[in-house]
N, C-alpha and C. Protein backbone atom coordinates (compact mmCIF):
# COMPACT_ATOMS: atom_id res chain seq x y z
N UNK A 1 0.83 -1.19 0.00
CA UNK A 1 0.00 0.00 0.00
C UNK A 1 0.87 1.25 0.00
N UNK A 2 1.95 1.26 0.82
CA UNK A 2 2.82 2.41 0.88
C UNK A 2 3.53 2.64 -0.46
N UNK A 3 3.90 1.56 -1.14
CA UNK A 3 4.57 1.68 -2.44
C UNK A 3 3.61 2.26 -3.46
N UNK A 4 2.38 1.85 -3.46
CA UNK A 4 1.37 2.38 -4.38
C UNK A 4 1.13 3.87 -4.12
N UNK A 5 1.06 4.24 -2.86
CA UNK A 5 0.86 5.65 -2.49
C UNK A 5 2.06 6.49 -2.95
N UNK A 6 3.26 5.98 -2.71
CA UNK A 6 4.48 6.67 -3.12
C UNK A 6 4.55 6.79 -4.64
N UNK A 7 4.17 5.74 -5.35
CA UNK A 7 4.17 5.75 -6.81
C UNK A 7 3.21 6.81 -7.35
N UNK A 8 2.06 6.97 -6.73
CA UNK A 8 1.09 7.99 -7.15
C UNK A 8 1.64 9.40 -6.93
N UNK A 9 2.31 9.60 -5.83
CA UNK A 9 2.90 10.91 -5.54
C UNK A 9 3.97 11.25 -6.58
N UNK A 10 4.82 10.30 -6.90
CA UNK A 10 5.87 10.51 -7.89
C UNK A 10 5.26 10.78 -9.26
N UNK A 11 4.23 10.05 -9.62
CA UNK A 11 3.56 10.23 -10.90
C UNK A 11 2.93 11.62 -11.00
N UNK A 12 2.26 12.06 -9.96
CA UNK A 12 1.65 13.40 -9.95
C UNK A 12 2.72 14.47 -10.04
N UNK A 13 3.83 14.30 -9.34
CA UNK A 13 4.93 15.26 -9.39
C UNK A 13 5.51 15.35 -10.79
N UNK A 14 5.67 14.22 -11.45
CA UNK A 14 6.22 14.21 -12.80
C UNK A 14 5.27 14.89 -13.79
N UNK A 15 4.01 14.60 -13.70
CA UNK A 15 3.02 15.20 -14.60
C UNK A 15 2.94 16.70 -14.37
N UNK A 16 2.95 17.12 -13.12
CA UNK A 16 2.89 18.55 -12.81
C UNK A 16 4.14 19.26 -13.32
N UNK A 17 5.29 18.66 -13.13
CA UNK A 17 6.53 19.26 -13.59
C UNK A 17 6.59 19.39 -15.10
N UNK A 18 6.04 18.45 -15.82
CA UNK A 18 6.04 18.50 -17.27
C UNK A 18 5.07 19.53 -17.82
N UNK A 19 4.05 19.85 -17.06
CA UNK A 19 3.03 20.76 -17.57
C UNK A 19 3.35 22.22 -17.32
N UNK A 20 4.37 22.51 -16.52
CA UNK A 20 4.74 23.89 -16.25
C UNK A 20 5.40 24.49 -17.48
N UNK A 21 5.14 25.78 -17.71
CA UNK A 21 5.74 26.44 -18.87
C UNK A 21 7.23 26.68 -18.61
N UNK A 22 7.97 26.73 -19.67
CA UNK A 22 9.41 26.95 -19.59
C UNK A 22 9.67 28.44 -19.57
N UNK A 23 10.10 29.03 -18.43
CA UNK A 23 10.28 30.48 -18.36
C UNK A 23 11.39 31.00 -19.26
N UNK A 24 12.36 30.15 -19.61
CA UNK A 24 13.44 30.59 -20.48
C UNK A 24 12.94 30.81 -21.90
N UNK A 25 12.04 29.97 -22.36
CA UNK A 25 11.54 30.05 -23.73
C UNK A 25 10.18 30.69 -23.85
N UNK A 26 9.67 31.28 -22.79
CA UNK A 26 8.34 31.88 -22.87
C UNK A 26 8.41 33.17 -23.66
N UNK A 27 7.37 33.46 -24.42
CA UNK A 27 7.31 34.67 -25.24
C UNK A 27 6.56 35.73 -24.45
N UNK A 28 7.29 36.50 -23.64
CA UNK A 28 6.66 37.52 -22.81
C UNK A 28 6.83 38.92 -23.38
N UNK A 29 7.30 39.03 -24.63
CA UNK A 29 7.45 40.32 -25.25
C UNK A 29 8.75 41.03 -24.91
N UNK A 30 9.62 40.40 -24.14
CA UNK A 30 10.88 41.02 -23.75
C UNK A 30 12.06 40.44 -24.51
N UNK A 31 11.81 39.85 -25.64
CA UNK A 31 12.89 39.29 -26.43
C UNK A 31 13.62 40.41 -27.17
N UNK A 32 14.89 40.24 -27.45
CA UNK A 32 15.61 41.26 -28.20
C UNK A 32 14.93 41.53 -29.54
N UNK A 33 14.78 42.80 -29.84
CA UNK A 33 14.14 43.19 -31.10
C UNK A 33 12.63 43.23 -31.05
N UNK A 34 12.06 43.01 -29.88
CA UNK A 34 10.60 43.00 -29.79
C UNK A 34 10.02 44.38 -29.52
N UNK A 35 10.84 45.42 -29.61
CA UNK A 35 10.38 46.77 -29.31
C UNK A 35 10.12 47.57 -30.59
N UNK A 36 9.38 47.01 -31.51
CA UNK A 36 9.06 47.68 -32.76
C UNK A 36 8.03 48.79 -32.55
N UNK A 37 8.21 49.89 -33.27
CA UNK A 37 7.24 50.98 -33.19
C UNK A 37 6.13 50.76 -34.22
N UNK A 38 5.28 51.75 -34.44
CA UNK A 38 4.13 51.57 -35.34
C UNK A 38 4.55 51.37 -36.79
N UNK A 39 5.78 51.75 -37.13
CA UNK A 39 6.29 51.57 -38.49
C UNK A 39 7.11 50.30 -38.63
N UNK A 40 7.33 49.60 -37.52
CA UNK A 40 8.13 48.39 -37.53
C UNK A 40 9.61 48.62 -37.25
N UNK A 41 9.98 49.85 -36.89
CA UNK A 41 11.38 50.17 -36.59
C UNK A 41 11.75 49.65 -35.21
N UNK A 42 12.91 49.05 -35.10
CA UNK A 42 13.38 48.49 -33.83
C UNK A 42 14.26 49.53 -33.15
N UNK A 43 13.72 50.18 -32.13
CA UNK A 43 14.43 51.24 -31.42
C UNK A 43 15.69 50.77 -30.73
N UNK A 44 15.67 49.57 -30.16
CA UNK A 44 16.84 49.07 -29.45
C UNK A 44 18.01 48.78 -30.39
N UNK A 45 17.73 48.69 -31.67
CA UNK A 45 18.79 48.51 -32.67
C UNK A 45 19.19 49.84 -33.30
N UNK A 46 18.60 50.95 -32.80
CA UNK A 46 18.98 52.27 -33.27
C UNK A 46 18.16 52.82 -34.41
N UNK A 47 17.10 52.13 -34.81
CA UNK A 47 16.31 52.57 -35.95
C UNK A 47 15.19 53.53 -35.54
N UNK A 48 14.96 54.52 -36.39
CA UNK A 48 13.85 55.46 -36.25
C UNK A 48 13.22 55.64 -37.62
N UNK A 49 11.94 55.98 -37.64
CA UNK A 49 11.22 56.15 -38.90
C UNK A 49 11.60 57.46 -39.57
N UNK A 50 11.81 57.40 -40.87
CA UNK A 50 12.11 58.58 -41.67
C UNK A 50 11.07 58.66 -42.79
N UNK A 51 10.22 59.68 -42.74
CA UNK A 51 9.17 59.83 -43.74
C UNK A 51 9.74 60.13 -45.12
N UNK A 52 10.83 60.85 -45.16
CA UNK A 52 11.43 61.22 -46.45
C UNK A 52 11.88 59.99 -47.23
N UNK A 53 12.53 59.05 -46.57
CA UNK A 53 12.99 57.84 -47.25
C UNK A 53 11.95 56.72 -47.17
N UNK A 54 10.93 56.94 -46.37
CA UNK A 54 9.84 55.98 -46.19
C UNK A 54 10.36 54.62 -45.70
N UNK A 55 11.31 54.67 -44.77
CA UNK A 55 11.84 53.44 -44.18
C UNK A 55 12.50 53.73 -42.83
N UNK A 56 12.82 52.67 -42.12
CA UNK A 56 13.52 52.78 -40.84
C UNK A 56 14.98 53.10 -41.14
N UNK A 57 15.52 54.06 -40.42
CA UNK A 57 16.90 54.49 -40.64
C UNK A 57 17.62 54.59 -39.30
N UNK A 58 18.92 54.38 -39.33
CA UNK A 58 19.77 54.69 -38.18
C UNK A 58 20.26 56.11 -38.40
N UNK A 59 19.94 57.02 -37.46
CA UNK A 59 20.26 58.44 -37.67
C UNK A 59 21.72 58.70 -38.01
N UNK A 60 22.67 58.05 -37.33
CA UNK A 60 24.07 58.32 -37.60
C UNK A 60 24.50 57.83 -38.98
N UNK A 61 23.90 56.74 -39.47
CA UNK A 61 24.23 56.26 -40.81
C UNK A 61 23.65 57.18 -41.87
N UNK A 62 22.41 57.64 -41.64
CA UNK A 62 21.77 58.55 -42.59
C UNK A 62 22.49 59.89 -42.61
N UNK A 63 22.94 60.37 -41.46
CA UNK A 63 23.67 61.64 -41.39
C UNK A 63 24.96 61.56 -42.20
N UNK A 64 25.67 60.46 -42.08
CA UNK A 64 26.91 60.30 -42.84
C UNK A 64 26.60 60.19 -44.34
N UNK A 65 25.57 59.44 -44.69
CA UNK A 65 25.22 59.23 -46.10
C UNK A 65 24.75 60.52 -46.77
N UNK A 66 23.93 61.30 -46.04
CA UNK A 66 23.32 62.49 -46.64
C UNK A 66 24.04 63.79 -46.30
N UNK A 67 25.04 63.74 -45.43
CA UNK A 67 25.88 64.89 -45.16
C UNK A 67 25.31 65.94 -44.23
N UNK A 68 24.53 65.54 -43.24
CA UNK A 68 24.08 66.49 -42.23
C UNK A 68 24.65 66.10 -40.87
N UNK A 69 24.59 67.04 -39.91
CA UNK A 69 25.13 66.78 -38.57
C UNK A 69 24.37 65.64 -37.90
N UNK A 70 25.11 64.83 -37.18
CA UNK A 70 24.53 63.68 -36.49
C UNK A 70 23.94 64.11 -35.16
N UNK A 71 22.71 64.64 -35.20
CA UNK A 71 21.97 64.94 -33.98
C UNK A 71 20.48 64.79 -34.27
N UNK A 72 19.71 64.69 -33.21
CA UNK A 72 18.27 64.42 -33.33
C UNK A 72 17.56 65.51 -34.15
N UNK A 73 17.91 66.76 -33.94
CA UNK A 73 17.24 67.87 -34.64
C UNK A 73 17.48 67.78 -36.15
N UNK A 74 18.72 67.53 -36.55
CA UNK A 74 19.04 67.43 -37.97
C UNK A 74 18.36 66.22 -38.61
N UNK A 75 18.33 65.11 -37.89
CA UNK A 75 17.65 63.91 -38.40
C UNK A 75 16.17 64.18 -38.62
N UNK A 76 15.52 64.79 -37.62
CA UNK A 76 14.09 65.08 -37.74
C UNK A 76 13.82 66.08 -38.85
N UNK A 77 14.69 67.12 -38.99
CA UNK A 77 14.51 68.10 -40.05
C UNK A 77 14.66 67.44 -41.43
N UNK A 78 15.62 66.55 -41.56
CA UNK A 78 15.84 65.86 -42.85
C UNK A 78 14.65 64.96 -43.17
N UNK A 79 14.21 64.22 -42.18
CA UNK A 79 13.16 63.21 -42.42
C UNK A 79 11.77 63.82 -42.61
N UNK A 80 11.56 65.03 -42.17
CA UNK A 80 10.26 65.68 -42.39
C UNK A 80 10.15 66.20 -43.82
N UNK A 81 11.29 66.42 -44.46
CA UNK A 81 11.30 67.01 -45.78
C UNK A 81 10.94 66.10 -46.85
């Protein structure tokens, strides 16, 4: 009787342990790159929306490519145009 009782406890523990979600692989929205804005730009990767080019841009790369100063004001002024 004691062995049967012990076997049931072990079986319940195994089933319960298998049914728990895996916290390492859970999709809680905190994965790298999951911070997309309304245009799909990933802010944590340095991207911001630029209406002028109609795509996500990295401000420092666009500043170098288009020849304006690398600062937020210049980026916004360029992208509004």
